[in-house]
């Protein structure tokens, strides 16, 4: 998840997921370091936009991109979804698996970058990416991986903090130009997709956790028609 990168503020089984990370080791190390700086980085509550957009849907197969400490994955599993949760930080996945065990729900954990995860194509009824830290590449690999994972008839739900994409380069090295934002994904949608929602709106913000100060969301909800 991208959140405060600009300021630098600091019956589930992870065994198979953590046996081998698939992706850039530097990315994993960066996020493991960030998670190690706090016993709990995020609020522990499911993201408000996810709850608002998904609560009325019929559960199916869902991919949680950048699952962090697992709050969204656990909420989805409790709601009857078949959850695959992807994360680059092994430390975050260990915490997420612990929360899932405590909740008595099963989640399929994937320790990988989205572009390297070799996920089954067109197989998820919902792809949820809540404030994801997806690195931008010239071939739009991350954007295309998000779209490729959605099954015909399924939904992509991409949520990000409004205004983050226009921040100046920070002393910490955070550069918005390095990351994927909703407008970039929306620009790739063709006639195989129907945009159901693409808006900025007030965020249902948690009381605690990194990024709680952000007040507005960008919400993109698009349905794959075929």
C-alpha atoms as a PDB file:
ATOM      1  CA  UNK A   1       0.000   0.000   0.000  1.00  0.00           C
ATOM      2  CA  UNK A   2       1.094   3.534  -0.659  1.00  0.00           C
ATOM      3  CA  UNK A   3       0.176   5.726   2.218  1.00  0.00           C
ATOM      4  CA  UNK A   4       2.759   7.814   4.008  1.00  0.00           C
ATOM      5  CA  UNK A   5       5.676   7.023   1.716  1.00  0.00           C
ATOM      6  CA  UNK A   6       6.123  10.736   1.195  1.00  0.00           C
ATOM      7  CA  UNK A   7       6.871  11.280   4.872  1.00  0.00           C
ATOM      8  CA  UNK A   8       8.459   7.897   5.488  1.00  0.00           C
ATOM      9  CA  UNK A   9       6.470   7.390   8.693  1.00  0.00           C
ATOM     10  CA  UNK A  10       7.054   4.545   9.856  1.00  0.00           C
ATOM     11  CA  UNK A  11      -7.361 -21.433   8.841  1.00  0.00           C
ATOM     12  CA  UNK A  12      -4.632 -19.779   6.915  1.00  0.00           C
ATOM     13  CA  UNK A  13      -1.199 -21.131   6.092  1.00  0.00           C
ATOM     14  CA  UNK A  14       1.661 -18.835   5.112  1.00  0.00           C
ATOM     15  CA  UNK A  15       4.212 -21.615   4.801  1.00  0.00           C
ATOM     16  CA  UNK A  16       3.890 -22.091   1.059  1.00  0.00           C
ATOM     17  CA  UNK A  17       3.602 -18.352   0.464  1.00  0.00           C
ATOM     18  CA  UNK A  18       6.678 -17.480   2.496  1.00  0.00           C
ATOM     19  CA  UNK A  19       8.885 -20.303   1.228  1.00  0.00           C
ATOM     20  CA  UNK A  20       9.756 -18.132  -1.758  1.00  0.00           C
ATOM     21  CA  UNK A  21       9.119 -14.515  -2.630  1.00  0.00           C
ATOM     22  CA  UNK A  22       8.575 -13.740  -6.318  1.00  0.00           C
ATOM     23  CA  UNK A  23       9.598 -10.216  -7.197  1.00  0.00           C
ATOM     24  CA  UNK A  24      12.250  -7.566  -6.679  1.00  0.00           C
ATOM     25  CA  UNK A  25      14.095  -8.253  -3.382  1.00  0.00           C
ATOM     26  CA  UNK A  26      14.600  -4.524  -2.878  1.00  0.00           C
ATOM     27  CA  UNK A  27      10.834  -3.966  -2.895  1.00  0.00           C
ATOM     28  CA  UNK A  28      10.324  -6.698  -0.315  1.00  0.00           C
ATOM     29  CA  UNK A  29      13.110  -5.313   1.874  1.00  0.00           C
ATOM     30  CA  UNK A  30      11.667  -1.795   1.717  1.00  0.00           C
ATOM     31  CA  UNK A  31       8.242  -2.934   2.882  1.00  0.00           C
ATOM     32  CA  UNK A  32       9.535  -5.387   5.491  1.00  0.00           C
ATOM     33  CA  UNK A  33      11.530  -2.522   6.978  1.00  0.00           C
ATOM     34  CA  UNK A  34       8.496  -0.303   7.080  1.00  0.00           C
ATOM     35  CA  UNK A  35       6.359  -2.929   8.775  1.00  0.00           C
ATOM     36  CA  UNK A  36       9.131  -3.695  11.280  1.00  0.00           C
ATOM     37  CA  UNK A  37       8.992  -0.110  12.547  1.00  0.00           C
ATOM     38  CA  UNK A  38       5.548  -0.650  14.098  1.00  0.00           C
ATOM     39  CA  UNK A  39       3.829  -3.587  15.737  1.00  0.00           C
ATOM     40  CA  UNK A  40       0.742  -2.607  13.722  1.00  0.00           C
ATOM     41  CA  UNK A  41       1.036  -0.311  10.734  1.00  0.00           C
ATOM     42  CA  UNK A  42      -2.608  -0.047   9.641  1.00  0.00           C
ATOM     43  CA  UNK A  43      -5.844   0.413  11.572  1.00  0.00           C
ATOM     44  CA  UNK A  44      -6.891  -3.246  11.572  1.00  0.00           C
ATOM     45  CA  UNK A  45     -10.253  -2.292  10.049  1.00  0.00           C
ATOM     46  CA  UNK A  46     -11.400  -3.029   6.478  1.00  0.00           C
ATOM     47  CA  UNK A  47     -11.111  -0.080   4.123  1.00  0.00           C
ATOM     48  CA  UNK A  48     -14.277   1.988   4.003  1.00  0.00           C
ATOM     49  CA  UNK A  49     -14.544   2.170   0.223  1.00  0.00           C
ATOM     50  CA  UNK A  50     -14.242  -1.606  -0.018  1.00  0.00           C
ATOM     51  CA  UNK A  51     -17.035  -2.115   2.504  1.00  0.00           C
ATOM     52  CA  UNK A  52     -19.263   0.423   0.757  1.00  0.00           C
ATOM     53  CA  UNK A  53     -18.773  -1.010  -2.723  1.00  0.00           C
ATOM     54  CA  UNK A  54     -18.705  -4.728  -1.932  1.00  0.00           C
ATOM     55  CA  UNK A  55     -21.120  -5.272   0.956  1.00  0.00           C
ATOM     56  CA  UNK A  56     -24.091  -5.887  -1.366  1.00  0.00           C
ATOM     57  CA  UNK A  57     -22.261  -8.109  -3.864  1.00  0.00           C
ATOM     58  CA  UNK A  58     -22.712 -11.857  -4.113  1.00  0.00           C
ATOM     59  CA  UNK A  59     -19.484 -13.419  -2.811  1.00  0.00           C
ATOM     60  CA  UNK A  60     -17.203 -15.186  -5.265  1.00  0.00           C
ATOM     61  CA  UNK A  61     -13.469 -15.334  -5.912  1.00  0.00           C
ATOM     62  CA  UNK A  62     -11.594 -12.187  -4.900  1.00  0.00           C
ATOM     63  CA  UNK A  63      -8.010 -11.034  -5.276  1.00  0.00           C
ATOM     64  CA  UNK A  64      -6.845  -8.605  -2.591  1.00  0.00           C
ATOM     65  CA  UNK A  65      -3.865  -6.746  -4.076  1.00  0.00           C
ATOM     66  CA  UNK A  66      -1.445  -5.416  -1.471  1.00  0.00           C
ATOM     67  CA  UNK A  67      -3.250  -7.031   1.440  1.00  0.00           C
ATOM     68  CA  UNK A  68      -0.980  -5.582   4.127  1.00  0.00           C
ATOM     69  CA  UNK A  69      -1.848  -6.914   7.574  1.00  0.00           C
ATOM     70  CA  UNK A  70      -4.970  -8.604   6.247  1.00  0.00           C
ATOM     71  CA  UNK A  71      -7.916  -6.542   7.472  1.00  0.00           C
ATOM     72  CA  UNK A  72      -9.633  -6.514   4.059  1.00  0.00           C
ATOM     73  CA  UNK A  73      -8.863 -10.181   3.404  1.00  0.00           C
ATOM     74  CA  UNK A  74     -10.321 -11.243   6.748  1.00  0.00           C
ATOM     75  CA  UNK A  75     -13.431  -9.094   6.252  1.00  0.00           C
ATOM     76  CA  UNK A  76     -13.990 -10.552   2.800  1.00  0.00           C
ATOM     77  CA  UNK A  77     -13.492 -14.121   4.012  1.00  0.00           C
ATOM     78  CA  UNK A  78     -15.942 -13.559   6.850  1.00  0.00           C
ATOM     79  CA  UNK A  79     -18.421 -12.415   4.214  1.00  0.00           C
ATOM     80  CA  UNK A  80     -18.144 -15.687   2.315  1.00  0.00           C
ATOM     81  CA  UNK A  81     -15.608 -14.699  -0.322  1.00  0.00           C
ATOM     82  CA  UNK A  82     -12.946 -17.123  -1.581  1.00  0.00           C
ATOM     83  CA  UNK A  83      -9.960 -14.889  -0.898  1.00  0.00           C
ATOM     84  CA  UNK A  84      -6.535 -14.791  -2.519  1.00  0.00           C
ATOM     85  CA  UNK A  85      -4.407 -12.106  -0.860  1.00  0.00           C
ATOM     86  CA  UNK A  86      -1.171 -10.843  -2.402  1.00  0.00           C
ATOM     87  CA  UNK A  87       1.560  -8.920  -0.600  1.00  0.00           C
ATOM     88  CA  UNK A  88       5.273  -8.184  -1.069  1.00  0.00           C
ATOM     89  CA  UNK A  89       6.115  -7.978   2.649  1.00  0.00           C
ATOM     90  CA  UNK A  90       6.641 -11.308   4.356  1.00  0.00           C
ATOM     91  CA  UNK A  91       6.295  -9.639   7.749  1.00  0.00           C
ATOM     92  CA  UNK A  92       2.910  -8.224   6.764  1.00  0.00           C
ATOM     93  CA  UNK A  93       1.775 -11.649   5.543  1.00  0.00           C
ATOM     94  CA  UNK A  94       2.759 -13.263   8.846  1.00  0.00           C
ATOM     95  CA  UNK A  95       0.623 -10.717  10.681  1.00  0.00           C
ATOM     96  CA  UNK A  96      -2.231 -11.163   8.217  1.00  0.00           C
ATOM     97  CA  UNK A  97      -2.184 -14.933   8.619  1.00  0.00           C
ATOM     98  CA  UNK A  98      -2.318 -14.531  12.382  1.00  0.00           C
ATOM     99  CA  UNK A  99      -5.379 -12.290  12.119  1.00  0.00           C
ATOM    100  CA  UNK A 100      -7.051 -14.813   9.811  1.00  0.00           C
ATOM    101  CA  UNK A 101      -6.353 -17.646  12.239  1.00  0.00           C
ATOM    102  CA  UNK A 102      -7.798 -15.604  15.092  1.00  0.00           C
ATOM    103  CA  UNK A 103     -10.896 -14.949  12.997  1.00  0.00           C
ATOM    104  CA  UNK A 104     -11.236 -18.593  11.992  1.00  0.00           C
ATOM    105  CA  UNK A 105     -11.215 -17.892   8.255  1.00  0.00           C
ATOM    106  CA  UNK A 106      -9.213 -19.332   5.376  1.00  0.00           C
ATOM    107  CA  UNK A 107      -7.234 -17.130   3.009  1.00  0.00           C
ATOM    108  CA  UNK A 108      -4.877 -18.093   0.186  1.00  0.00           C
ATOM    109  CA  UNK A 109      -1.694 -16.033   0.653  1.00  0.00           C
ATOM    110  CA  UNK A 110       0.615 -15.086  -2.221  1.00  0.00           C
ATOM    111  CA  UNK A 111       4.045 -13.613  -1.428  1.00  0.00           C
ATOM    112  CA  UNK A 112       4.832 -11.800  -4.661  1.00  0.00           C
ATOM    113  CA  UNK A 113       4.692  -8.623  -6.655  1.00  0.00           C
ATOM    114  CA  UNK A 114       1.531  -8.411  -8.720  1.00  0.00           C
ATOM    115  CA  UNK A 115       3.397  -8.474 -12.021  1.00  0.00           C
ATOM    116  CA  UNK A 116       5.400 -11.574 -11.024  1.00  0.00           C
ATOM    117  CA  UNK A 117       2.692 -13.601  -9.285  1.00  0.00           C
ATOM    118  CA  UNK A 118       1.603 -15.728 -12.267  1.00  0.00           C
ATOM    119  CA  UNK A 119      -2.028 -15.512 -11.186  1.00  0.00           C
ATOM    120  CA  UNK A 120      -4.605 -17.448 -13.202  1.00  0.00           C
ATOM    121  CA  UNK A 121      -5.914 -15.021 -15.831  1.00  0.00           C
ATOM    122  CA  UNK A 122      -9.521 -13.834 -15.922  1.00  0.00           C
ATOM    123  CA  UNK A 123     -10.383 -15.838 -12.818  1.00  0.00           C
ATOM    124  CA  UNK A 124     -11.488 -13.395 -10.110  1.00  0.00           C
ATOM    125  CA  UNK A 125     -15.014 -12.063  -9.669  1.00  0.00           C
ATOM    126  CA  UNK A 126     -13.533  -9.107  -7.816  1.00  0.00           C
ATOM    127  CA  UNK A 127     -10.053  -7.604  -7.918  1.00  0.00           C
ATOM    128  CA  UNK A 128      -9.661  -5.189  -5.020  1.00  0.00           C
ATOM    129  CA  UNK A 129      -6.687  -2.832  -4.864  1.00  0.00           C
ATOM    130  CA  UNK A 130      -6.988  -0.478  -1.914  1.00  0.00           C
ATOM    131  CA  UNK A 131      -4.276   2.225  -1.957  1.00  0.00           C
ATOM    132  CA  UNK A 132      -1.790  -0.099  -3.710  1.00  0.00           C
ATOM    133  CA  UNK A 133       1.892   0.736  -4.152  1.00  0.00           C
ATOM    134  CA  UNK A 134       2.184  -0.490  -7.723  1.00  0.00           C
ATOM    135  CA  UNK A 135       5.336   0.597  -9.491  1.00  0.00           C
ATOM    136  CA  UNK A 136       4.877   2.187 -12.891  1.00  0.00           C
ATOM    137  CA  UNK A 137       6.686   0.741 -15.918  1.00  0.00           C
ATOM    138  CA  UNK A 138       6.811   1.804 -19.583  1.00  0.00           C
ATOM    139  CA  UNK A 139       4.732  -1.213 -20.609  1.00  0.00           C
ATOM    140  CA  UNK A 140       2.053  -0.573 -17.945  1.00  0.00           C
ATOM    141  CA  UNK A 141       2.660  -4.064 -16.559  1.00  0.00           C
ATOM    142  CA  UNK A 142       0.949  -3.498 -13.208  1.00  0.00           C
ATOM    143  CA  UNK A 143      -2.098  -1.840 -14.742  1.00  0.00           C
ATOM    144  CA  UNK A 144      -2.481  -4.667 -17.238  1.00  0.00           C
ATOM    145  CA  UNK A 145      -2.018  -7.293 -14.513  1.00  0.00           C
ATOM    146  CA  UNK A 146      -4.903  -5.789 -12.552  1.00  0.00           C
ATOM    147  CA  UNK A 147      -7.174  -5.921 -15.578  1.00  0.00           C
ATOM    148  CA  UNK A 148      -6.048  -9.376 -16.678  1.00  0.00           C
ATOM    149  CA  UNK A 149      -7.022 -10.928 -13.340  1.00  0.00           C
ATOM    150  CA  UNK A 150     -10.710  -9.943 -13.604  1.00  0.00           C
ATOM    151  CA  UNK A 151     -13.095 -12.606 -14.903  1.00  0.00           C
ATOM    152  CA  UNK A 152     -15.754 -11.742 -17.504  1.00  0.00           C
ATOM    153  CA  UNK A 153     -18.638 -10.224 -15.568  1.00  0.00           C
ATOM    154  CA  UNK A 154     -16.319  -9.407 -12.680  1.00  0.00           C
ATOM    155  CA  UNK A 155     -15.338  -6.107 -11.091  1.00  0.00           C
ATOM    156  CA  UNK A 156     -12.141  -4.159 -10.627  1.00  0.00           C
ATOM    157  CA  UNK A 157     -12.247  -1.903  -7.571  1.00  0.00           C
ATOM    158  CA  UNK A 158      -9.263   0.435  -7.369  1.00  0.00           C
ATOM    159  CA  UNK A 159      -9.118   3.026  -4.594  1.00  0.00           C
ATOM    160  CA  UNK A 160      -6.417   5.589  -3.913  1.00  0.00           C
ATOM    161  CA  UNK A 161      -5.810   8.758  -1.938  1.00  0.00           C
ATOM    162  CA  UNK A 162      -6.891  11.836  -3.863  1.00  0.00           C
ATOM    163  CA  UNK A 163      -4.103  14.255  -4.583  1.00  0.00           C
ATOM    164  CA  UNK A 164      -1.216  11.858  -3.985  1.00  0.00           C
ATOM    165  CA  UNK A 165      -0.482  11.694  -7.710  1.00  0.00           C
ATOM    166  CA  UNK A 166       0.293  15.427  -7.816  1.00  0.00           C
ATOM    167  CA  UNK A 167       2.589  15.592  -4.782  1.00  0.00           C
ATOM    168  CA  UNK A 168       6.078  16.955  -5.497  1.00  0.00           C
ATOM    169  CA  UNK A 169       9.081  14.686  -5.144  1.00  0.00           C
ATOM    170  CA  UNK A 170       9.795  14.355  -1.414  1.00  0.00           C
ATOM    171  CA  UNK A 171      13.177  14.421   0.318  1.00  0.00           C
ATOM    172  CA  UNK A 172      12.588  10.772   1.265  1.00  0.00           C
ATOM    173  CA  UNK A 173      12.647   9.864  -2.414  1.00  0.00           C
ATOM    174  CA  UNK A 174       8.895   9.398  -2.865  1.00  0.00           C
ATOM    175  CA  UNK A 175       8.028  10.422  -6.429  1.00  0.00           C
ATOM    176  CA  UNK A 176       4.392  10.100  -7.562  1.00  0.00           C
ATOM    177  CA  UNK A 177       5.619   9.494 -11.109  1.00  0.00           C
ATOM    178  CA  UNK A 178       6.992   6.128  -9.962  1.00  0.00           C
ATOM    179  CA  UNK A 179       3.548   4.734  -9.115  1.00  0.00           C
ATOM    180  CA  UNK A 180       0.308   3.682 -10.752  1.00  0.00           C
ATOM    181  CA  UNK A 181      -2.766   5.851 -10.143  1.00  0.00           C
ATOM    182  CA  UNK A 182      -6.431   5.181 -11.011  1.00  0.00           C
ATOM    183  CA  UNK A 183      -6.417   7.467 -14.057  1.00  0.00           C
ATOM    184  CA  UNK A 184      -3.695   5.328 -15.614  1.00  0.00           C
ATOM    185  CA  UNK A 185      -5.799   2.197 -15.243  1.00  0.00           C
ATOM    186  CA  UNK A 186      -8.939   3.945 -16.475  1.00  0.00           C
ATOM    187  CA  UNK A 187      -7.061   5.030 -19.594  1.00  0.00           C
ATOM    188  CA  UNK A 188      -6.515   1.375 -20.541  1.00  0.00           C
ATOM    189  CA  UNK A 189     -10.189   0.394 -20.361  1.00  0.00           C
ATOM    190  CA  UNK A 190     -11.618  -0.450 -23.787  1.00  0.00           C
ATOM    191  CA  UNK A 191     -14.969  -1.679 -25.082  1.00  0.00           C
ATOM    192  CA  UNK A 192     -14.571  -4.870 -23.051  1.00  0.00           C
ATOM    193  CA  UNK A 193     -15.150  -2.792 -19.931  1.00  0.00           C
ATOM    194  CA  UNK A 194     -17.927  -0.687 -18.458  1.00  0.00           C
ATOM    195  CA  UNK A 195     -16.926   2.034 -16.008  1.00  0.00           C
ATOM    196  CA  UNK A 196     -19.550   1.985 -13.264  1.00  0.00           C
ATOM    197  CA  UNK A 197     -17.893   4.560 -11.046  1.00  0.00           C
ATOM    198  CA  UNK A 198     -14.931   6.907 -11.394  1.00  0.00           C
ATOM    199  CA  UNK A 199     -15.063   9.667  -8.838  1.00  0.00           C
ATOM    200  CA  UNK A 200     -13.464  11.541  -5.979  1.00  0.00           C
ATOM    201  CA  UNK A 201     -15.393  11.395  -2.715  1.00  0.00           C
ATOM    202  CA  UNK A 202     -14.903  11.811   1.038  1.00  0.00           C
ATOM    203  CA  UNK A 203     -13.027   8.937   2.601  1.00  0.00           C
ATOM    204  CA  UNK A 204     -14.411   6.799   5.393  1.00  0.00           C
ATOM    205  CA  UNK A 205     -11.209   7.247   7.363  1.00  0.00           C
ATOM    206  CA  UNK A 206     -10.088   4.994  10.223  1.00  0.00           C
ATOM    207  CA  UNK A 207      -9.341   6.464  13.632  1.00  0.00           C
ATOM    208  CA  UNK A 208      -5.780   5.187  13.635  1.00  0.00           C
ATOM    209  CA  UNK A 209      -3.056   3.698  11.501  1.00  0.00           C
ATOM    210  CA  UNK A 210      -0.794   5.133   8.837  1.00  0.00           C
ATOM    211  CA  UNK A 211      -2.609   7.378   6.407  1.00  0.00           C
ATOM    212  CA  UNK A 212      -5.587   8.104   8.640  1.00  0.00           C
ATOM    213  CA  UNK A 213      -5.188  11.799   7.820  1.00  0.00           C
ATOM    214  CA  UNK A 214      -6.161  11.399   4.154  1.00  0.00           C
ATOM    215  CA  UNK A 215      -9.674  12.793   3.658  1.00  0.00           C
ATOM    216  CA  UNK A 216     -10.679  12.037   0.043  1.00  0.00           C
ATOM    217  CA  UNK A 217     -10.596   8.908  -2.091  1.00  0.00           C
ATOM    218  CA  UNK A 218     -10.373   8.316  -5.808  1.00  0.00           C
ATOM    219  CA  UNK A 219     -12.643   5.341  -6.547  1.00  0.00           C
ATOM    220  CA  UNK A 220     -12.626   3.448  -9.832  1.00  0.00           C
ATOM    221  CA  UNK A 221     -15.102   0.585 -10.230  1.00  0.00           C
ATOM    222  CA  UNK A 222     -15.163  -1.090 -13.618  1.00  0.00           C
ATOM    223  CA  UNK A 223     -16.903  -4.251 -14.841  1.00  0.00           C
ATOM    224  CA  UNK A 224     -15.363  -6.562 -17.399  1.00  0.00           C
ATOM    225  CA  UNK A 225     -18.030  -7.351 -19.985  1.00  0.00           C
ATOM    226  CA  UNK A 226     -16.145 -10.085 -21.877  1.00  0.00           C
END
